[in-house]
PDB file of N, CA and C in Angstrom:
ATOM      1  N   MET A   1     103.398-101.984   5.960  1.00  0.00           N
ATOM      2  CA  MET A   1     104.020-102.183   6.986  1.00  0.00           C
ATOM      3  C   MET A   1     103.885-102.356   8.543  1.00  0.00           C
ATOM      4  N   VAL A   2     103.897-103.216   9.030  1.00  0.00           N
ATOM      5  CA  VAL A   2     103.714-103.314  10.795  1.00  0.00           C
ATOM      6  C   VAL A   2     103.431-101.744  11.478  1.00  0.00           C
ATOM      7  N   GLY A   3     104.816-101.312  11.156  1.00  0.00           N
ATOM      8  CA  GLY A   3     105.186-100.041  11.938  1.00  0.00           C
ATOM      9  C   GLY A   3     103.923 -99.064  11.705  1.00  0.00           C
ATOM     10  N   ASN A   4     103.320 -98.871  10.328  1.00  0.00           N
ATOM     11  CA  ASN A   4     102.676 -97.970   9.740  1.00  0.00           C
ATOM     12  C   ASN A   4     101.207 -98.287  10.289  1.00  0.00           C
ATOM     13  N   LEU A   5     100.603 -99.480  11.109  1.00  0.00           N
ATOM     14  CA  LEU A   5      99.425 -99.794  11.162  1.00  0.00           C
ATOM     15  C   LEU A   5      98.678 -98.889  12.280  1.00  0.00           C
ATOM     16  N   MET A   6      97.634 -98.710  12.581  1.00  0.00           N
ATOM     17  CA  MET A   6      97.116 -97.900  13.614  1.00  0.00           C
ATOM     18  C   MET A   6      95.908 -99.075  14.444  1.00  0.00           C
ATOM     19  N   GLN A   7      96.398 -99.215  16.041  1.00  0.00           N
ATOM     20  CA  GLN A   7      95.075 -99.625  16.225  1.00  0.00           C
ATOM     21  C   GLN A   7      94.333 -98.916  17.190  1.00  0.00           C
ATOM     22  N   ASP A   8      93.217 -98.971  17.153  1.00  0.00           N
ATOM     23  CA  ASP A   8      92.089 -98.192  18.636  1.00  0.00           C
ATOM     24  C   ASP A   8      92.092 -98.543  19.552  1.00  0.00           C
ATOM     25  N   LYS A   9      92.727 -98.689  20.862  1.00  0.00           N
ATOM     26  CA  LYS A   9      92.205 -99.160  22.176  1.00  0.00           C
ATOM     27  C   LYS A   9      91.868 -98.597  22.907  1.00  0.00           C
ATOM     28  N   GLY A  10      90.686 -97.702  22.453  1.00  0.00           N
ATOM     29  CA  GLY A  10      89.885 -96.972  23.240  1.00  0.00           C
ATOM     30  C   GLY A  10      90.245 -95.908  24.284  1.00  0.00           C
ATOM     31  N   CYS A  11      91.360 -95.724  24.548  1.00  0.00           N
ATOM     32  CA  CYS A  11      91.820 -94.250  25.039  1.00  0.00           C
ATOM     33  C   CYS A  11      93.107 -93.919  24.325  1.00  0.00           C
ATOM     34  N   GLY A  12      92.360 -93.757  22.712  1.00  0.00           N
ATOM     35  CA  GLY A  12      93.469 -93.137  22.397  1.00  0.00           C
ATOM     36  C   GLY A  12      94.048 -94.172  21.088  1.00  0.00           C
ATOM     37  N   GLN A  13      95.227 -93.561  20.679  1.00  0.00           N
ATOM     38  CA  GLN A  13      95.506 -94.498  18.844  1.00  0.00           C
ATOM     39  C   GLN A  13      97.286 -94.728  19.804  1.00  0.00           C
ATOM     40  N   LEU A  14      97.604 -95.966  19.363  1.00  0.00           N
ATOM     41  CA  LEU A  14      99.057 -96.346  19.550  1.00  0.00           C
ATOM     42  C   LEU A  14      99.282 -97.114  17.939  1.00  0.00           C
ATOM     43  N   THR A  15     100.864 -97.056  17.529  1.00  0.00           N
ATOM     44  CA  THR A  15     101.142 -97.325  16.948  1.00  0.00           C
ATOM     45  C   THR A  15     101.446 -98.768  16.679  1.00  0.00           C
ATOM     46  N   ALA A  16     101.520 -99.663  15.917  1.00  0.00           N
ATOM     47  CA  ALA A  16     101.678-101.062  16.052  1.00  0.00           C
ATOM     48  C   ALA A  16     103.215-101.547  17.041  1.00  0.00           C
ATOM     49  N   SER A  17     104.142-100.450  16.175  1.00  0.00           N
ATOM     50  CA  SER A  17     105.233-100.389  17.183  1.00  0.00           C
ATOM     51  C   SER A  17     105.257-100.430  18.303  1.00  0.00           C
ATOM     52  N   GLN A  18     104.439 -99.326  19.037  1.00  0.00           N
ATOM     53  CA  GLN A  18     104.350 -99.505  20.666  1.00  0.00           C
ATOM     54  C   GLN A  18     103.634-100.606  21.149  1.00  0.00           C
ATOM     55  N   ASP A  19     102.739-101.059  20.380  1.00  0.00           N
ATOM     56  CA  ASP A  19     102.119-102.317  21.114  1.00  0.00           C
ATOM     57  C   ASP A  19     102.898-103.252  20.964  1.00  0.00           C
ATOM     58  N   ILE A  20     103.919-103.570  19.716  1.00  0.00           N
ATOM     59  CA  ILE A  20     105.266-104.351  19.950  1.00  0.00           C
ATOM     60  C   ILE A  20     105.759-104.317  21.085  1.00  0.00           C
ATOM     61  N   GLN A  21     106.040-102.971  21.176  1.00  0.00           N
ATOM     62  CA  GLN A  21     107.107-102.569  22.157  1.00  0.00           C
ATOM     63  C   GLN A  21     106.895-103.446  23.824  1.00  0.00           C
ATOM     64  N   GLU A  22     105.162-103.037  23.735  1.00  0.00           N
ATOM     65  CA  GLU A  22     104.515-103.502  24.996  1.00  0.00           C
ATOM     66  C   GLU A  22     104.604-105.219  25.112  1.00  0.00           C
ATOM     67  N   TYR A  23     104.513-105.806  23.788  1.00  0.00           N
ATOM     68  CA  TYR A  23     104.278-107.341  23.826  1.00  0.00           C
ATOM     69  C   TYR A  23     105.947-107.918  24.009  1.00  0.00           C
ATOM     70  N   VAL A  24     106.569-107.532  24.015  1.00  0.00           N
ATOM     71  CA  VAL A  24     108.092-107.883  24.172  1.00  0.00           C
ATOM     72  C   VAL A  24     108.706-107.315  25.494  1.00  0.00           C
ATOM     73  N   LEU A  25     107.752-106.596  26.094  1.00  0.00           N
ATOM     74  CA  LEU A  25     108.183-106.240  27.841  1.00  0.00           C
ATOM     75  C   LEU A  25     107.633-107.419  28.711  1.00  0.00           C
ATOM     76  N   ALA A  26     106.572-107.473  27.660  1.00  0.00           N
ATOM     77  CA  ALA A  26     106.068-109.181  28.639  1.00  0.00           C
ATOM     78  C   ALA A  26     106.420-110.308  27.987  1.00  0.00           C
ATOM     79  N   LEU A  27     107.063-110.352  27.312  1.00  0.00           N
ATOM     80  CA  LEU A  27     107.622-111.591  26.771  1.00  0.00           C
ATOM     81  C   LEU A  27     109.041-111.521  27.759  1.00  0.00           C
ATOM     82  N   GLU A  28     109.893-110.470  28.184  1.00  0.00           N
ATOM     83  CA  GLU A  28     110.966-110.483  28.890  1.00  0.00           C
ATOM     84  C   GLU A  28     110.662-110.797  30.474  1.00  0.00           C
ATOM     85  N   CYS A  29     109.507-110.918  30.997  1.00  0.00           N
ATOM     86  CA  CYS A  29     108.983-110.919  32.643  1.00  0.00           C
ATOM     87  C   CYS A  29     108.523-112.609  32.057  1.00  0.00           C
ATOM     88  N   LEU A  30     108.674-113.522  31.104  1.00  0.00           N
ATOM     89  CA  LEU A  30     108.112-114.673  31.692  1.00  0.00           C
ATOM     90  C   LEU A  30     109.288-115.698  31.506  1.00  0.00           C
ATOM     91  N   HIS A  31     109.031-116.195  32.750  1.00  0.00           N
ATOM     92  CA  HIS A  31     109.878-117.258  32.757  1.00  0.00           C
ATOM     93  C   HIS A  31     110.367-118.290  32.090  1.00  0.00           C
ATOM     94  N   GLU A  32     109.275-118.978  30.982  1.00  0.00           N
ATOM     95  CA  GLU A  32     109.137-119.566  30.433  1.00  0.00           C
ATOM     96  C   GLU A  32     110.208-118.700  28.688  1.00  0.00           C
ATOM     97  N   ALA A  33     110.866-120.033  27.800  1.00  0.00           N
ATOM     98  CA  ALA A  33     111.691-119.539  26.837  1.00  0.00           C
ATOM     99  C   ALA A  33     110.800-119.436  25.689  1.00  0.00           C
ATOM    100  N   VAL A  34     110.929-117.975  25.189  1.00  0.00           N
ATOM    101  CA  VAL A  34     110.157-117.618  23.905  1.00  0.00           C
ATOM    102  C   VAL A  34     110.863-117.483  22.856  1.00  0.00           C
ATOM    103  N   THR A  35     110.912-117.526  21.800  1.00  0.00           N
ATOM    104  CA  THR A  35     111.627-117.504  20.671  1.00  0.00           C
ATOM    105  C   THR A  35     110.690-116.897  19.386  1.00  0.00           C
ATOM    106  N   ILE A  36     110.974-116.342  18.421  1.00  0.00           N
ATOM    107  CA  ILE A  36     110.214-115.712  17.444  1.00  0.00           C
ATOM    108  C   ILE A  36     111.065-115.932  16.155  1.00  0.00           C
ATOM    109  N   ALA A  37     110.701-116.930  14.750  1.00  0.00           N
ATOM    110  CA  ALA A  37     111.415-116.960  14.366  1.00  0.00           C
ATOM    111  C   ALA A  37     110.774-116.224  13.267  1.00  0.00           C
ATOM    112  N   GLY A  38     111.429-116.107  12.010  1.00  0.00           N
ATOM    113  CA  GLY A  38     110.970-115.497  10.480  1.00  0.00           C
ATOM    114  C   GLY A  38     110.579-116.685   9.794  1.00  0.00           C
ATOM    115  N   ALA A  39     110.065-116.279   8.736  1.00  0.00           N
ATOM    116  CA  ALA A  39     109.615-117.121   7.911  1.00  0.00           C
ATOM    117  C   ALA A  39     110.549-117.649   7.198  1.00  0.00           C
ATOM    118  N   ASP A  40     111.914-117.417   7.318  1.00  0.00           N
ATOM    119  CA  ASP A  40     112.978-118.434   6.940  1.00  0.00           C
ATOM    120  C   ASP A  40     113.246-119.506   8.004  1.00  0.00           C
ATOM    121  N   ASN A  41     112.630-119.460   9.260  1.00  0.00           N
ATOM    122  CA  ASN A  41     112.740-120.247  10.422  1.00  0.00           C
ATOM    123  C   ASN A  41     113.824-119.945  10.899  1.00  0.00           C
ATOM    124  N   ARG A  42     114.542-118.932  11.208  1.00  0.00           N
ATOM    125  CA  ARG A  42     115.788-118.198  11.696  1.00  0.00           C
ATOM    126  C   ARG A  42     115.160-117.708  13.043  1.00  0.00           C
ATOM    127  N   ILE A  43     115.664-117.483  14.479  1.00  0.00           N
ATOM    128  CA  ILE A  43     115.509-117.014  15.450  1.00  0.00           C
ATOM    129  C   ILE A  43     115.688-115.398  15.127  1.00  0.00           C
ATOM    130  N   ALA A  44     114.688-114.778  15.059  1.00  0.00           N
ATOM    131  CA  ALA A  44     114.820-113.029  14.898  1.00  0.00           C
ATOM    132  C   ALA A  44     114.473-112.468  16.866  1.00  0.00           C
ATOM    133  N   TYR A  45     114.350-113.308  17.567  1.00  0.00           N
ATOM    134  CA  TYR A  45     113.877-112.768  19.179  1.00  0.00           C
ATOM    135  C   TYR A  45     114.369-113.961  19.654  1.00  0.00           C
ATOM    136  N   ALA A  46     114.794-113.715  20.970  1.00  0.00           N
ATOM    137  CA  ALA A  46     114.852-114.641  22.170  1.00  0.00           C
ATOM    138  C   ALA A  46     114.552-114.003  23.627  1.00  0.00           C
ATOM    139  N   ASN A  47     113.713-114.302  24.534  1.00  0.00           N
ATOM    140  CA  ASN A  47     113.894-113.544  25.256  1.00  0.00           C
ATOM    141  C   ASN A  47     114.884-113.997  26.802  1.00  0.00           C
ATOM    142  N   ALA A  48     114.993-113.470  27.874  1.00  0.00           N
ATOM    143  CA  ALA A  48     115.704-113.417  28.623  1.00  0.00           C
ATOM    144  C   ALA A  48     116.070-114.881  28.775  1.00  0.00           C
ATOM    145  N   ALA A  49     114.465-115.493  29.203  1.00  0.00           N
ATOM    146  CA  ALA A  49     114.378-116.565  29.860  1.00  0.00           C
ATOM    147  C   ALA A  49     115.171-117.872  28.812  1.00  0.00           C
ATOM    148  N   CYS A  50     115.556-117.828  27.418  1.00  0.00           N
ATOM    149  CA  CYS A  50     116.119-118.456  27.011  1.00  0.00           C
ATOM    150  C   CYS A  50     117.322-118.377  27.135  1.00  0.00           C
ATOM    151  N   GLU A  51     118.426-117.391  27.491  1.00  0.00           N
ATOM    152  CA  GLU A  51     119.518-117.436  27.907  1.00  0.00           C
ATOM    153  C   GLU A  51     119.918-118.438  28.975  1.00  0.00           C
ATOM    154  N   GLN A  52     118.706-117.999  29.960  1.00  0.00           N
ATOM    155  CA  GLN A  52     118.764-118.724  31.330  1.00  0.00           C
ATOM    156  C   GLN A  52     118.611-120.169  31.119  1.00  0.00           C
ATOM    157  N   ILE A  53     117.985-120.529  30.526  1.00  0.00           N
ATOM    158  CA  ILE A  53     117.077-122.009  30.431  1.00  0.00           C
ATOM    159  C   ILE A  53     118.278-122.603  29.338  1.00  0.00           C
ATOM    160  N   TYR A  54     118.799-122.103  28.162  1.00  0.00           N
ATOM    161  CA  TYR A  54     119.391-123.176  27.281  1.00  0.00           C
ATOM    162  C   TYR A  54     120.970-122.880  27.409  1.00  0.00           C
ATOM    163  N   GLY A  55     121.246-121.878  28.146  1.00  0.00           N
ATOM    164  CA  GLY A  55     122.796-121.620  28.237  1.00  0.00           C
ATOM    165  C   GLY A  55     123.344-120.677  27.516  1.00  0.00           C
ATOM    166  N   TYR A  56     123.095-120.177  26.545  1.00  0.00           N
ATOM    167  CA  TYR A  56     123.175-119.494  25.221  1.00  0.00           C
ATOM    168  C   TYR A  56     122.895-118.100  25.464  1.00  0.00           C
ATOM    169  N   ALA A  57     124.080-117.025  25.284  1.00  0.00           N
ATOM    170  CA  ALA A  57     123.461-115.624  24.911  1.00  0.00           C
ATOM    171  C   ALA A  57     122.489-115.534  23.808  1.00  0.00           C
ATOM    172  N   ARG A  58     121.887-114.758  24.311  1.00  0.00           N
ATOM    173  CA  ARG A  58     120.856-114.396  23.273  1.00  0.00           C
ATOM    174  C   ARG A  58     121.702-114.120  21.858  1.00  0.00           C
ATOM    175  N   ALA A  59     122.370-112.947  21.660  1.00  0.00           N
ATOM    176  CA  ALA A  59     123.389-113.164  20.309  1.00  0.00           C
ATOM    177  C   ALA A  59     123.778-114.347  19.602  1.00  0.00           C
ATOM    178  N   GLU A  60     123.883-115.362  20.772  1.00  0.00           N
ATOM    179  CA  GLU A  60     124.544-116.435  20.131  1.00  0.00           C
ATOM    180  C   GLU A  60     122.791-116.782  19.057  1.00  0.00           C
ATOM    181  N   LEU A  61     121.867-117.018  19.783  1.00  0.00           N
ATOM    182  CA  LEU A  61     120.501-117.795  19.380  1.00  0.00           C
ATOM    183  C   LEU A  61     120.213-117.132  18.395  1.00  0.00           C
ATOM    184  N   ILE A  62     120.242-115.577  17.980  1.00  0.00           N
ATOM    185  CA  ILE A  62     120.032-115.023  17.352  1.00  0.00           C
ATOM    186  C   ILE A  62     120.418-115.351  15.401  1.00  0.00           C
ATOM    187  N   GLY A  63     119.313-115.853  14.665  1.00  0.00           N
ATOM    188  CA  GLY A  63     119.992-116.127  13.286  1.00  0.00           C
ATOM    189  C   GLY A  63     119.875-117.750  12.970  1.00  0.00           C
ATOM    190  N   GLN A  64     119.831-118.573  14.277  1.00  0.00           N
ATOM    191  CA  GLN A  64     120.016-119.546  14.412  1.00  0.00           C
ATOM    192  C   GLN A  64     118.987-120.601  13.409  1.00  0.00           C
ATOM    193  N   GLN A  65     118.474-121.764  13.334  1.00  0.00           N
ATOM    194  CA  GLN A  65     117.458-122.150  12.673  1.00  0.00           C
ATOM    195  C   GLN A  65     116.786-122.625  14.121  1.00  0.00           C
ATOM    196  N   ASP A  66     115.134-122.395  14.203  1.00  0.00           N
ATOM    197  CA  ASP A  66     114.733-122.684  15.079  1.00  0.00           C
ATOM    198  C   ASP A  66     114.114-124.481  14.978  1.00  0.00           C
ATOM    199  N   VAL A  67     113.860-124.447  16.086  1.00  0.00           N
ATOM    200  CA  VAL A  67     113.294-126.343  15.803  1.00  0.00           C
ATOM    201  C   VAL A  67     112.085-126.220  15.898  1.00  0.00           C
TER     202      VAL A  67
END
């Protein structure tokens, strides 16, 4: 599982979940809309820009079919 993976960053060990948290923080700072869909092509993540650009609340986007 992803949470059990370890990666060496040159300054100690970070778990994959810590890496993911850093990526999510970076995605939240973008002005471009970003969605991440699972294997079933349903949105599992939408950044804050999606709400502003598309006019839908994040909760409305999660679970919808990605295009």
